[in-house]
C-alpha cells in the first residue's frame, strides 16, 4: 500500500466561533474537516469543564483537518485570522495517509 505524507491540523476554539472558522477554511479551499466537542481541559487560566454549562456557548470545539503539506500555509492563514483575537490553539503534526487523492 502506498502511503503519502500529510499534515494534521487541530484547532481548538470557542464553540460560538465554529461557523466563522469553518467558513474561513472553506473560503481558503479546505474542503474536509471534522468537528468534535471538547469536554474540558486545563490551560493558562486553570482547569475548566463543559459540565454545568447551560448552553453550547460556554464550551470549546476542536476542528481537525488533514491536508497536503503544500496547502498548510493557506490553511494556517485562514485559521489564524479567526483564532488570533479569541481563545484558541492551533497545532500541526506530521501524519501519513492512505488514499492521498482524498486530501
C-alpha atoms as a PDB file:
ATOM      1  CA  UNK A   1       0.000   0.000   0.000  1.00  0.00           C
ATOM      2  CA  UNK A   2       1.286   3.426  -0.880  1.00  0.00           C
ATOM      3  CA  UNK A   3       1.372   5.958   1.931  1.00  0.00           C
ATOM      4  CA  UNK A   4       1.698   9.733   1.463  1.00  0.00           C
ATOM      5  CA  UNK A   5       2.894  12.425   3.838  1.00  0.00           C
ATOM      6  CA  UNK A   6       0.283  14.889   5.078  1.00  0.00           C
ATOM      7  CA  UNK A   7      -0.276  17.429   7.840  1.00  0.00           C
ATOM      8  CA  UNK A   8      -2.813  17.103  10.632  1.00  0.00           C
ATOM      9  CA  UNK A   9      -4.039  20.458  11.904  1.00  0.00           C
ATOM     10  CA  UNK A  10      -6.019  20.604  15.147  1.00  0.00           C
ATOM     11  CA  UNK A  11      -7.747  23.869  16.003  1.00  0.00           C
ATOM     12  CA  UNK A  12      -9.366  24.205  19.417  1.00  0.00           C
ATOM     13  CA  UNK A  13     -11.617  27.249  19.641  1.00  0.00           C
ATOM     14  CA  UNK A  14     -14.641  28.608  21.478  1.00  0.00           C
ATOM     15  CA  UNK A  15     -17.818  26.932  20.202  1.00  0.00           C
ATOM     16  CA  UNK A  16     -19.562  30.149  19.073  1.00  0.00           C
ATOM     17  CA  UNK A  17     -16.715  30.713  16.580  1.00  0.00           C
ATOM     18  CA  UNK A  18     -17.105  27.321  14.902  1.00  0.00           C
ATOM     19  CA  UNK A  19     -19.047  28.623  11.891  1.00  0.00           C
ATOM     20  CA  UNK A  20     -16.761  31.613  11.414  1.00  0.00           C
ATOM     21  CA  UNK A  21     -13.739  29.295  11.409  1.00  0.00           C
ATOM     22  CA  UNK A  22     -15.224  26.692   9.074  1.00  0.00           C
ATOM     23  CA  UNK A  23     -16.355  29.471   6.696  1.00  0.00           C
ATOM     24  CA  UNK A  24     -12.794  30.864   6.653  1.00  0.00           C
ATOM     25  CA  UNK A  25     -11.361  27.394   5.996  1.00  0.00           C
ATOM     26  CA  UNK A  26     -13.800  26.748   3.151  1.00  0.00           C
ATOM     27  CA  UNK A  27     -13.014  30.150   1.590  1.00  0.00           C
ATOM     28  CA  UNK A  28      -9.338  29.103   1.692  1.00  0.00           C
ATOM     29  CA  UNK A  29     -10.177  25.921  -0.233  1.00  0.00           C
ATOM     30  CA  UNK A  30     -10.188  23.485   2.692  1.00  0.00           C
ATOM     31  CA  UNK A  31     -12.966  21.045   1.873  1.00  0.00           C
ATOM     32  CA  UNK A  32     -12.529  18.424   4.560  1.00  0.00           C
ATOM     33  CA  UNK A  33     -12.568  18.692   8.313  1.00  0.00           C
ATOM     34  CA  UNK A  34     -14.021  17.011  11.383  1.00  0.00           C
ATOM     35  CA  UNK A  35     -15.589  18.858  14.317  1.00  0.00           C
ATOM     36  CA  UNK A  36     -15.504  17.375  17.811  1.00  0.00           C
ATOM     37  CA  UNK A  37     -16.822  18.707  21.127  1.00  0.00           C
ATOM     38  CA  UNK A  38     -14.164  19.377  23.749  1.00  0.00           C
ATOM     39  CA  UNK A  39     -15.312  18.152  27.142  1.00  0.00           C
ATOM     40  CA  UNK A  40     -12.801  20.056  29.272  1.00  0.00           C
ATOM     41  CA  UNK A  41      -9.155  20.690  29.901  1.00  0.00           C
ATOM     42  CA  UNK A  42      -6.614  22.866  31.581  1.00  0.00           C
ATOM     43  CA  UNK A  43      -4.696  25.861  30.325  1.00  0.00           C
ATOM     44  CA  UNK A  44      -3.225  29.190  31.296  1.00  0.00           C
ATOM     45  CA  UNK A  45      -6.414  30.095  33.193  1.00  0.00           C
ATOM     46  CA  UNK A  46      -6.623  26.750  35.003  1.00  0.00           C
ATOM     47  CA  UNK A  47      -8.970  23.788  34.744  1.00  0.00           C
ATOM     48  CA  UNK A  48     -12.322  24.053  33.008  1.00  0.00           C
ATOM     49  CA  UNK A  49     -15.135  21.694  32.123  1.00  0.00           C
ATOM     50  CA  UNK A  50     -18.168  21.730  29.899  1.00  0.00           C
ATOM     51  CA  UNK A  51     -20.098  20.205  32.804  1.00  0.00           C
ATOM     52  CA  UNK A  52     -22.734  22.523  34.178  1.00  0.00           C
ATOM     53  CA  UNK A  53     -22.787  24.783  31.117  1.00  0.00           C
ATOM     54  CA  UNK A  54     -26.295  25.957  30.293  1.00  0.00           C
ATOM     55  CA  UNK A  55     -25.573  26.272  26.583  1.00  0.00           C
ATOM     56  CA  UNK A  56     -23.020  25.254  23.999  1.00  0.00           C
ATOM     57  CA  UNK A  57     -21.694  28.841  24.006  1.00  0.00           C
ATOM     58  CA  UNK A  58     -19.517  28.203  27.051  1.00  0.00           C
ATOM     59  CA  UNK A  59     -17.722  25.258  25.528  1.00  0.00           C
ATOM     60  CA  UNK A  60     -14.951  24.587  23.078  1.00  0.00           C
ATOM     61  CA  UNK A  61     -14.771  22.577  19.868  1.00  0.00           C
ATOM     62  CA  UNK A  62     -11.874  21.045  18.002  1.00  0.00           C
ATOM     63  CA  UNK A  63     -11.695  21.151  14.231  1.00  0.00           C
ATOM     64  CA  UNK A  64      -9.332  18.612  12.688  1.00  0.00           C
ATOM     65  CA  UNK A  65      -8.061  18.853   9.109  1.00  0.00           C
ATOM     66  CA  UNK A  66      -5.710  16.548   7.245  1.00  0.00           C
ATOM     67  CA  UNK A  67      -4.166  18.231   4.217  1.00  0.00           C
ATOM     68  CA  UNK A  68      -1.310  18.033   1.763  1.00  0.00           C
ATOM     69  CA  UNK A  69       1.830  19.783   3.047  1.00  0.00           C
ATOM     70  CA  UNK A  70       1.780  22.313   0.188  1.00  0.00           C
ATOM     71  CA  UNK A  71      -1.626  23.610   1.396  1.00  0.00           C
ATOM     72  CA  UNK A  72      -0.606  24.115   5.038  1.00  0.00           C
ATOM     73  CA  UNK A  73       0.254  27.830   4.889  1.00  0.00           C
ATOM     74  CA  UNK A  74      -3.077  28.734   3.276  1.00  0.00           C
ATOM     75  CA  UNK A  75      -4.984  26.819   5.944  1.00  0.00           C
ATOM     76  CA  UNK A  76      -2.985  28.371   8.779  1.00  0.00           C
ATOM     77  CA  UNK A  77      -3.531  31.909   7.482  1.00  0.00           C
ATOM     78  CA  UNK A  78      -7.295  31.328   7.314  1.00  0.00           C
ATOM     79  CA  UNK A  79      -7.417  29.729  10.774  1.00  0.00           C
ATOM     80  CA  UNK A  80      -5.248  32.371  12.405  1.00  0.00           C
ATOM     81  CA  UNK A  81      -7.428  35.165  11.006  1.00  0.00           C
ATOM     82  CA  UNK A  82     -10.205  33.825  13.265  1.00  0.00           C
ATOM     83  CA  UNK A  83      -8.231  32.497  16.230  1.00  0.00           C
ATOM     84  CA  UNK A  84      -5.856  35.433  16.770  1.00  0.00           C
ATOM     85  CA  UNK A  85      -8.414  37.572  18.650  1.00  0.00           C
ATOM     86  CA  UNK A  86     -10.019  34.757  20.641  1.00  0.00           C
ATOM     87  CA  UNK A  87      -9.246  31.855  22.920  1.00  0.00           C
ATOM     88  CA  UNK A  88      -7.841  29.071  20.794  1.00  0.00           C
ATOM     89  CA  UNK A  89      -4.924  26.819  19.980  1.00  0.00           C
ATOM     90  CA  UNK A  90      -3.651  25.597  16.622  1.00  0.00           C
ATOM     91  CA  UNK A  91      -1.327  22.603  16.433  1.00  0.00           C
ATOM     92  CA  UNK A  92       0.265  20.955  13.409  1.00  0.00           C
ATOM     93  CA  UNK A  93       1.688  17.438  13.279  1.00  0.00           C
ATOM     94  CA  UNK A  94       3.065  15.238  10.541  1.00  0.00           C
ATOM     95  CA  UNK A  95       0.979  12.244   9.547  1.00  0.00           C
ATOM     96  CA  UNK A  96       0.820   9.617   6.836  1.00  0.00           C
ATOM     97  CA  UNK A  97      -2.332   8.777   4.916  1.00  0.00           C
ATOM     98  CA  UNK A  98      -3.704   6.125   2.622  1.00  0.00           C
ATOM     99  CA  UNK A  99      -5.862   7.260  -0.292  1.00  0.00           C
ATOM    100  CA  UNK A 100      -3.943  10.532  -0.644  1.00  0.00           C
ATOM    101  CA  UNK A 101      -6.192  11.582  -3.542  1.00  0.00           C
ATOM    102  CA  UNK A 102      -8.832  12.490  -0.954  1.00  0.00           C
ATOM    103  CA  UNK A 103      -6.629  15.190   0.538  1.00  0.00           C
END
